[in-house]
Each structure stands twice: as structure tokens, then as C-alpha cells.
Amino acid sequence: MSENAAPAVSSPGTINRPGSHNGDILFAAGVLLALYAAWQVRRELVIIYVSALFAVVLMPVLRSIMKLRIGKWNPGRGAAIFILFVVIGVCILTFTLVAMPPVIHDLREFTKEMPTRGPQLLARIRRLPFSDRIDVASLNSKLQDIASNFVAYVFYSIRDWAQTLFDTIIGVILTVYFMLEGDKAYLWLLSFIPIHKRQRLDSTMARAEARMGKWLLGQGALMLILGVSSTIVFLLLHVRYAYALGVLMGLFNIIPVVGALISVILVVLVAAIDSWGRVAGVLIFYAIYAQLETSYLTPRIMKTSVDLAGLAVIIALLLGSALAGVVGAMVSIPTAVLVAVLLDEYAVQPEPIIAPPKPLTEIH
């Protein structure tokens, strides 16, 4: 066989290159290795993603601050970030001074009364018609074990709390850096896209940023509505620790629907110490509010702020909580907005608008 023989042809127009299969194998191995590495650092990747997302959400506020003029001085990006954090700090301080005193009072009362309120709750359970089906003695033993092991639980959970605090601090620092240098990082990532496709992607991401920036306003409105309404209802029902429980429900509602469901369980337990009528009142209030929030408030507010359908909001919450727990549920809606904008631009094919036929009278 001649040394200059042509390579074998398997089909018309296709030439088998000896190294093509090896290249495919190496590429597949590289992808698998990258996925494995991403899985190993998934916690760090979640922190980076959440920080970048909050930077995008806060950018409209930051730009509004940068447009302010104080005399001849116009704040730059660094000064605007400082002003933003000062405003957030002042809001937190104001909330602490105005709303926290009754909350702290309620928490102190709860700590003092917890040793006696537990047995009272068990006594009420014994008087229920179906109490013979409940092993009250075992339940009492478990409550005592929980109380006795509470200090040990707190001690062993210090490491987890410290890790959470460290992740939060790192997330805040990353958010600041994304707001400072996010444009450079965005342009660097955009440089990987072919030149003729960059303008379309850039305009698409700009639309997504505008819609995602409105999420914080909508979510804050939902938290405020639940916090204020629940506090008023708890005060009218004379539920103990009404201020603390109302603030808790408002804060937990940063996870729409799910957060309120978790906090209302605690409210029911507290109300059950005093009266089953208060329990019924709390459950009736939450049943009405849950229907109102799920069917009206969340779809309306989120659709107005982020232009996202109510069904998409609920699905995003379910998927976000399943993938990344509380943090995933918290950022699920702005993530859904980003996905929706990208799908609308690159995947959805709108039907062509066909003009109706003209009447015969117009033709003649």
C-alpha cells in the first residue's frame, strides 16, 4: 500500500479521521469531570449564584441612587453602594427600635412560661375526644427529652450556625463585588458568544434584569401584608406573643406560601396552650389568607412586578425548594423570570398574525 494513500471514506463526503473518536472521548470525559467538580463545590456555587442574583435585583435601586444630585456632586458606584447599605442599616435600626421591644418582651415571656405551658398543652390534649388514641405519656416523655437535650442541641448546632453566618457574610461581600465589577464579569462572559449573536443576547439579558429588579418590591409587599395582617388578627384573638409571631410570619414569608405554612404551625401550638377557640381562629385566618395569597395576591403582585404567570410562580417555588431547600425557594421566582425571558426569546415561536380577508365591498 502506498504511503500517500488517501484515508478511507465511509460514506460520500465523510472522511474518517483517526483522532476524531479520541477527541470525542476526551470531550465527554472533560464534561463529566467538570460536572463532578461542580457537584463537589455545589454549596459554593449556590452562594455565588445567589449573590449574583441579589446584585442584579439591587442594580435598579443602585442606578436610581447614582442619578441623584446633591449640589454639584453626583455619587459614583462605590458611593451609591455605601448609601444603599446605610439606608438598609437605618431601616433595620428603625425596625429594631420601633417593632422589636414588644417582640423581645414576648420572647422573654415565652421563655419564662415554657416549663409550665407544656404540661398545660398536654392536659388539653388529654381532654380531646380522640385522646385515647394518642400516647400522651410517650408524648410527654419526648417533650421532656427535647427540653433536656435542648442545650446539647444548641451546642452541637453552633457549628452549623457559624457556617451559615460565614456563608451569609461571604454572600454579602460577593454581592458588593458583583455590584462593583459585575459589568466587567458580564462583558467577559459575553465575549465567549459569537459576535453576530452578542447584541441579541445582551438585549435579552437587559430585559431579564429589568423584570428581575422588580421582584424585591413584590416580595417585600407580600411580607409586609402578611406580617401586618397576622399581627392584627393575633391581637384581636388575644394570642400570646402576638407581636413576635406576627413578625415571624412576615419574615418567613420571604418564601411565599411555604414560609407562612411553617410559621403558622408554631402559632397554632402557642394558641393551643390557652384555647381551642383561638386555634380555630388562627386556622380560619390562615385558611382565608392562604387562599387569598395563592389565588390573588401572589399571582397579581408577582405578575405586576415580574410579569410571571401565577402557575409559573407556584411551579418555580416547588422546583426551587426541591433543588436547594430554603435558599432555592427564596430565589426561585427571579430565576424563573430569567428562564422565562430566555425561553421567550430563543425557544417560543409566536404564531404569525394573519390579517382577516377584506370584505367584497372593499375589493370592488
Protein backbone atom coordinates (compact mmCIF):
# COMPACT_ATOMS: atom_id res chain seq x y z
CA MET A 1 0.00 0.00 0.00
CA SER A 2 1.41 3.39 -0.95
CA GLU A 3 2.40 5.78 1.85
CA ASN A 4 0.48 8.54 0.10
CA ALA A 5 -2.75 6.55 0.03
CA ALA A 6 -5.88 8.58 0.77
CA PRO A 7 -7.77 7.93 4.04
CA ALA A 8 -10.68 5.52 3.90
CA VAL A 9 -14.06 7.00 3.03
CA SER A 10 -17.02 5.50 4.90
CA SER A 11 -19.70 7.43 3.04
CA PRO A 12 -19.87 10.05 0.33
CA GLY A 13 -18.49 13.34 1.63
CA THR A 14 -17.40 11.87 5.02
CA ILE A 15 -13.78 11.06 5.87
CA ASN A 16 -12.81 9.02 8.91
CA ARG A 17 -10.06 10.87 10.78
CA PRO A 18 -8.08 8.63 13.15
CA GLY A 19 -8.17 11.15 16.03
CA SER A 20 -11.85 12.12 15.84
CA HIS A 21 -13.10 9.37 18.16
CA ASN A 22 -10.34 10.07 20.66
CA GLY A 23 -11.34 13.75 20.68
CA ASP A 24 -14.97 12.87 21.35
CA ILE A 25 -13.97 10.60 24.22
CA LEU A 26 -11.75 13.27 25.74
CA PHE A 27 -14.51 15.87 25.40
CA ALA A 28 -17.05 13.59 27.13
CA ALA A 29 -14.55 12.83 29.89
CA GLY A 30 -13.92 16.56 30.34
CA VAL A 31 -17.65 17.27 30.64
CA LEU A 32 -18.08 14.51 33.23
CA LEU A 33 -15.08 15.78 35.18
CA ALA A 34 -16.48 19.33 35.13
CA LEU A 35 -19.88 18.11 36.36
CA TYR A 36 -18.22 16.12 39.14
CA ALA A 37 -16.17 19.16 40.19
CA ALA A 38 -19.31 21.35 40.14
CA TRP A 39 -21.11 18.81 42.35
CA GLN A 40 -18.25 18.84 44.85
CA VAL A 41 -18.42 22.64 45.19
CA ARG A 42 -22.19 22.95 44.78
CA ARG A 43 -22.58 24.87 48.06
CA GLU A 44 -20.05 27.48 46.96
CA LEU A 45 -21.69 27.70 43.53
CA VAL A 46 -25.08 28.32 45.17
CA ILE A 47 -23.56 31.18 47.22
CA ILE A 48 -22.04 32.71 44.06
CA TYR A 49 -25.31 32.36 42.13
CA VAL A 50 -27.46 33.83 44.93
CA SER A 51 -25.01 36.73 45.38
CA ALA A 52 -25.03 37.48 41.65
CA LEU A 53 -28.83 37.28 41.63
CA PHE A 54 -29.21 39.72 44.51
CA ALA A 55 -26.73 42.05 42.81
CA VAL A 56 -28.93 42.02 39.71
CA VAL A 57 -32.06 42.60 41.83
CA LEU A 58 -30.46 45.57 43.62
CA MET A 59 -29.00 47.18 40.48
CA PRO A 60 -32.14 49.25 39.64
CA VAL A 61 -32.03 50.73 43.15
CA LEU A 62 -28.31 51.36 42.78
CA ARG A 63 -28.80 53.13 39.45
CA SER A 64 -31.52 55.32 40.95
CA ILE A 65 -29.12 56.38 43.72
CA MET A 66 -26.41 57.12 41.14
CA LYS A 67 -28.82 59.51 39.35
CA LEU A 68 -29.21 61.64 42.48
CA ARG A 69 -27.55 65.04 42.52
CA ILE A 70 -26.54 66.72 45.77
CA GLY A 71 -25.47 70.16 44.65
CA LYS A 72 -22.76 69.56 42.08
CA TRP A 73 -21.93 66.12 43.46
CA ASN A 74 -23.16 63.00 41.73
CA PRO A 75 -22.49 59.72 43.60
CA GLY A 76 -20.41 57.14 41.78
CA ARG A 77 -20.99 53.41 42.01
CA GLY A 78 -18.93 52.93 45.17
CA ALA A 79 -20.62 55.83 46.94
CA ALA A 80 -24.04 54.60 45.77
CA ILE A 81 -23.37 51.14 47.26
CA PHE A 82 -22.34 52.80 50.53
CA ILE A 83 -25.53 54.90 50.55
CA LEU A 84 -27.61 51.80 49.78
CA PHE A 85 -26.16 49.86 52.72
CA VAL A 86 -26.56 52.89 55.01
CA VAL A 87 -30.25 53.11 54.06
CA ILE A 88 -30.68 49.37 54.68
CA GLY A 89 -28.92 49.73 58.04
CA VAL A 90 -31.14 52.68 59.03
CA CYS A 91 -34.25 50.68 58.10
CA ILE A 92 -33.07 47.72 60.20
CA LEU A 93 -32.23 50.01 63.12
CA THR A 94 -35.61 51.75 62.91
CA PHE A 95 -37.40 48.41 62.83
CA THR A 96 -35.33 47.24 65.81
CA LEU A 97 -36.12 50.33 67.89
CA VAL A 98 -39.82 50.55 67.00
CA ALA A 99 -41.03 46.98 66.44
CA MET A 100 -38.58 44.81 68.37
CA PRO A 101 -39.32 45.88 72.01
CA PRO A 102 -42.74 44.13 72.09
CA VAL A 103 -41.22 41.19 70.21
CA ILE A 104 -38.40 40.88 72.76
CA HIS A 105 -40.95 41.14 75.58
CA ASP A 106 -42.98 38.32 74.04
CA LEU A 107 -39.88 36.13 73.66
CA ARG A 108 -38.93 36.67 77.31
CA GLU A 109 -42.43 35.76 78.45
CA PHE A 110 -42.36 32.66 76.29
CA THR A 111 -39.02 31.57 77.81
CA LYS A 112 -40.37 32.06 81.34
CA GLU A 113 -43.66 30.29 80.73
CA MET A 114 -42.39 27.40 78.60
CA PRO A 115 -41.84 24.98 81.54
CA THR A 116 -45.45 25.37 82.72
CA ARG A 117 -47.20 25.81 79.37
CA GLY A 118 -46.02 22.43 78.04
CA PRO A 119 -47.90 20.39 80.67
CA GLN A 120 -50.97 22.60 80.20
CA LEU A 121 -50.96 21.79 76.50
CA LEU A 122 -50.72 18.06 77.25
CA ALA A 123 -53.62 18.36 79.69
CA ARG A 124 -55.73 19.94 76.96
CA ILE A 125 -54.81 17.13 74.60
CA ARG A 126 -55.98 14.56 77.19
CA ARG A 127 -59.44 16.17 77.20
CA LEU A 128 -59.90 15.76 73.44
CA PRO A 129 -62.40 13.10 72.26
CA PHE A 130 -59.71 11.19 70.37
CA SER A 131 -57.06 11.46 73.11
CA ASP A 132 -57.34 7.72 73.87
CA ARG A 133 -55.64 7.08 70.52
CA ILE A 134 -52.69 9.30 71.47
CA ASP A 135 -49.94 8.01 73.72
CA VAL A 136 -49.84 11.11 75.90
CA ALA A 137 -47.26 9.63 78.28
CA SER A 138 -44.91 8.95 75.40
CA LEU A 139 -45.53 12.43 74.01
CA ASN A 140 -44.79 13.95 77.43
CA SER A 141 -41.58 11.90 77.65
CA LYS A 142 -40.48 13.11 74.23
CA LEU A 143 -41.19 16.72 75.17
CA GLN A 144 -39.13 16.32 78.32
CA ASP A 145 -36.31 14.75 76.31
CA ILE A 146 -36.42 17.64 73.86
CA ALA A 147 -36.32 20.16 76.72
CA SER A 148 -33.44 18.36 78.47
CA ASN A 149 -31.47 17.96 75.25
CA PHE A 150 -32.14 21.49 74.03
CA VAL A 151 -28.86 22.83 75.41
CA ALA A 152 -26.94 19.95 73.85
CA TYR A 153 -28.71 20.54 70.54
CA VAL A 154 -27.83 24.23 70.63
CA PHE A 155 -24.22 23.37 71.47
CA TYR A 156 -23.86 20.89 68.62
CA SER A 157 -25.64 23.19 66.17
CA ILE A 158 -23.24 26.08 66.85
CA ARG A 159 -21.02 24.79 64.07
CA ASP A 160 -23.91 24.83 61.59
CA TRP A 161 -24.98 28.31 62.70
CA ALA A 162 -21.38 29.52 62.39
CA GLN A 163 -21.18 28.07 58.87
CA THR A 164 -24.46 29.75 57.95
CA LEU A 165 -23.24 33.08 59.33
CA PHE A 166 -19.97 32.71 57.42
CA ASP A 167 -21.84 31.91 54.19
CA THR A 168 -24.08 34.95 54.73
CA ILE A 169 -21.10 37.27 55.24
CA ILE A 170 -19.37 35.85 52.15
CA GLY A 171 -22.61 36.27 50.20
CA VAL A 172 -22.90 39.95 51.20
CA ILE A 173 -19.26 40.60 50.23
CA LEU A 174 -19.76 38.84 46.89
CA THR A 175 -22.92 40.85 46.27
CA VAL A 176 -20.98 44.08 46.79
CA TYR A 177 -18.24 42.92 44.42
CA PHE A 178 -20.80 41.87 41.81
CA MET A 179 -22.36 45.33 42.00
CA LEU A 180 -18.92 46.93 41.69
CA GLU A 181 -17.40 44.73 39.00
CA GLY A 182 -20.38 42.82 37.64
CA ASP A 183 -20.31 44.69 34.34
CA LYS A 184 -16.72 43.56 33.68
CA ALA A 185 -17.59 39.96 34.52
CA TYR A 186 -20.69 40.15 32.30
CA LEU A 187 -18.71 41.52 29.33
CA TRP A 188 -16.08 38.81 29.84
CA LEU A 189 -18.74 36.09 29.74
CA LEU A 190 -20.36 37.78 26.74
CA SER A 191 -17.02 37.59 24.87
CA PHE A 192 -17.45 33.80 24.63
CA ILE A 193 -20.56 34.31 22.47
CA PRO A 194 -20.09 34.72 18.70
CA ILE A 195 -20.02 38.38 17.72
CA HIS A 196 -23.12 38.21 15.50
CA LYS A 197 -25.18 36.81 18.42
CA ARG A 198 -24.00 39.10 21.21
CA GLN A 199 -26.35 42.01 20.60
CA ARG A 200 -29.44 39.81 20.74
CA LEU A 201 -28.31 38.10 23.95
CA ASP A 202 -27.33 41.42 25.51
CA SER A 203 -30.76 42.95 24.85
CA THR A 204 -32.44 39.79 26.17
CA MET A 205 -30.44 39.89 29.41
CA ALA A 206 -31.25 43.60 29.79
CA ARG A 207 -34.98 42.79 29.67
CA ALA A 208 -34.50 40.00 32.19
CA GLU A 209 -32.59 42.33 34.53
CA ALA A 210 -35.38 44.92 34.39
CA ARG A 211 -38.02 42.33 35.32
CA MET A 212 -35.88 40.65 37.99
CA GLY A 213 -35.21 44.00 39.62
CA LYS A 214 -38.92 44.37 40.40
CA TRP A 215 -39.07 41.06 42.29
CA LEU A 216 -37.73 42.55 45.52
CA LEU A 217 -40.52 45.14 45.61
CA GLY A 218 -43.20 42.49 45.06
CA GLN A 219 -41.74 40.11 47.64
CA GLY A 220 -41.43 42.91 50.19
CA ALA A 221 -45.10 43.78 49.64
CA LEU A 222 -46.16 40.17 50.32
CA MET A 223 -44.07 40.01 53.51
CA LEU A 224 -45.49 43.30 54.78
CA ILE A 225 -49.10 42.31 54.07
CA LEU A 226 -48.83 39.01 55.93
CA GLY A 227 -46.84 40.45 58.83
CA VAL A 228 -49.26 43.32 59.48
CA SER A 229 -52.46 41.32 58.92
CA SER A 230 -51.36 38.38 61.08
CA THR A 231 -50.27 40.67 63.93
CA ILE A 232 -53.65 42.43 63.89
CA VAL A 233 -55.55 39.12 63.86
CA PHE A 234 -53.42 37.63 66.66
CA LEU A 235 -54.02 40.73 68.80
CA LEU A 236 -57.78 40.52 68.19
CA LEU A 237 -57.75 36.82 69.11
CA HIS A 238 -55.59 37.55 72.19
CA VAL A 239 -52.97 35.03 71.08
CA ARG A 240 -49.90 35.13 73.28
CA TYR A 241 -46.75 36.67 71.85
CA ALA A 242 -48.77 38.24 69.01
CA TYR A 243 -46.06 40.73 68.03
CA ALA A 244 -43.30 38.12 67.90
CA LEU A 245 -45.43 35.67 65.94
CA GLY A 246 -46.61 38.35 63.51
CA VAL A 247 -43.04 39.46 62.77
CA LEU A 248 -42.01 35.81 62.40
CA MET A 249 -44.75 35.14 59.86
CA GLY A 250 -43.82 38.25 57.89
CA LEU A 251 -40.12 37.31 57.79
CA PHE A 252 -40.79 33.68 56.90
CA ASN A 253 -42.94 34.83 54.02
CA ILE A 254 -39.77 35.59 52.08
CA ILE A 255 -40.55 32.05 50.92
CA PRO A 256 -44.07 32.62 49.53
CA VAL A 257 -46.80 30.22 50.72
CA VAL A 258 -44.36 27.68 52.22
CA GLY A 259 -42.84 30.08 54.75
CA ALA A 260 -46.23 31.13 56.09
CA LEU A 261 -47.29 27.47 56.42
CA ILE A 262 -44.22 26.69 58.55
CA SER A 263 -44.73 29.67 60.86
CA VAL A 264 -48.47 29.09 61.31
CA ILE A 265 -47.73 25.68 62.84
CA LEU A 266 -45.86 27.46 65.64
CA VAL A 267 -48.76 29.90 66.07
CA VAL A 268 -51.22 27.01 66.39
CA LEU A 269 -49.08 25.39 69.10
CA VAL A 270 -48.91 28.65 71.05
CA ALA A 271 -52.66 29.26 70.69
CA ALA A 272 -53.44 25.69 71.78
CA ILE A 273 -51.94 26.43 75.21
CA ASP A 274 -54.81 28.80 76.04
CA SER A 275 -57.86 27.93 73.99
CA TRP A 276 -59.03 25.68 71.18
CA GLY A 277 -61.19 28.59 70.06
CA ARG A 278 -58.05 30.61 69.39
CA VAL A 279 -56.63 27.67 67.47
CA ALA A 280 -59.76 27.63 65.33
CA GLY A 281 -59.48 31.40 64.80
CA VAL A 282 -55.84 31.12 63.72
CA LEU A 283 -56.62 28.26 61.34
CA ILE A 284 -59.60 30.11 59.85
CA PHE A 285 -57.47 33.23 59.36
CA TYR A 286 -54.66 31.29 57.72
CA ALA A 287 -57.03 29.29 55.51
CA ILE A 288 -58.59 32.52 54.22
CA TYR A 289 -55.22 34.23 53.82
CA ALA A 290 -53.62 31.25 52.09
CA GLN A 291 -56.42 31.17 49.55
CA LEU A 292 -56.17 34.94 49.10
CA GLU A 293 -52.39 34.90 48.71
CA THR A 294 -52.23 31.84 46.46
CA SER A 295 -55.09 32.76 44.17
CA TYR A 296 -54.90 36.57 44.19
CA LEU A 297 -52.00 38.31 45.97
CA THR A 298 -49.03 36.26 44.76
CA PRO A 299 -50.19 35.94 41.13
CA ARG A 300 -51.30 39.60 40.94
CA ILE A 301 -48.32 41.16 42.71
CA MET A 302 -45.75 38.91 41.06
CA LYS A 303 -47.38 39.29 37.66
CA THR A 304 -47.45 43.06 38.08
CA SER A 305 -43.86 43.23 39.31
CA VAL A 306 -42.13 40.47 37.32
CA ASP A 307 -44.78 39.67 34.67
CA LEU A 308 -44.84 35.98 35.58
CA ALA A 309 -47.95 33.79 35.45
CA GLY A 310 -49.35 32.51 38.76
CA LEU A 311 -48.90 28.87 37.73
CA ALA A 312 -45.26 29.57 36.87
CA VAL A 313 -44.75 31.12 40.32
CA ILE A 314 -46.06 28.02 42.12
CA ILE A 315 -44.04 25.63 39.93
CA ALA A 316 -40.89 27.71 40.46
CA LEU A 317 -41.37 27.56 44.23
CA LEU A 318 -41.76 23.77 44.17
CA LEU A 319 -38.70 23.21 41.97
CA GLY A 320 -36.56 25.72 43.85
CA SER A 321 -37.29 24.21 47.26
CA ALA A 322 -36.69 20.69 45.91
CA LEU A 323 -33.30 21.63 44.40
CA ALA A 324 -31.83 23.91 47.08
CA GLY A 325 -34.18 23.98 50.06
CA VAL A 326 -34.99 27.35 51.65
CA VAL A 327 -32.42 29.26 49.60
CA GLY A 328 -33.71 27.69 46.39
CA ALA A 329 -37.29 28.66 47.19
CA MET A 330 -36.18 32.20 48.06
CA VAL A 331 -34.52 32.83 44.68
CA SER A 332 -36.85 30.65 42.62
CA ILE A 333 -39.01 33.49 41.28
CA PRO A 334 -36.21 35.74 39.91
CA THR A 335 -34.61 32.61 38.45
CA ALA A 336 -37.92 31.73 36.79
CA VAL A 337 -38.05 35.26 35.35
CA LEU A 338 -34.59 34.79 33.80
CA VAL A 339 -35.58 31.41 32.34
CA ALA A 340 -38.88 32.80 31.03
CA VAL A 341 -37.18 35.70 29.23
CA LEU A 342 -34.61 33.39 27.63
CA LEU A 343 -37.31 30.93 26.53
CA ASP A 344 -39.46 33.72 25.10
CA GLU A 345 -36.53 34.98 23.05
CA TYR A 346 -34.93 31.74 21.85
CA ALA A 347 -37.48 28.93 22.14
CA VAL A 348 -41.04 30.24 21.83
CA GLN A 349 -42.19 30.62 18.25
CA PRO A 350 -45.10 33.09 18.12
CA GLU A 351 -47.84 32.35 15.66
CA PRO A 352 -47.85 34.68 12.63
CA ILE A 353 -50.61 37.25 12.64
CA ILE A 354 -52.83 36.68 9.60
CA ALA A 355 -54.92 39.63 8.55
CA PRO A 356 -58.61 38.83 8.05
CA PRO A 357 -59.82 38.84 4.43
CA LYS A 358 -61.25 42.11 3.24
CA PRO A 359 -65.00 42.29 2.59
CA LEU A 360 -66.09 42.10 -1.02
CA THR A 361 -67.45 45.63 -0.83
CA GLU A 362 -63.93 46.97 -0.15
CA ILE A 363 -62.49 44.94 -3.04
CA HIS A 364 -64.98 46.40 -5.51
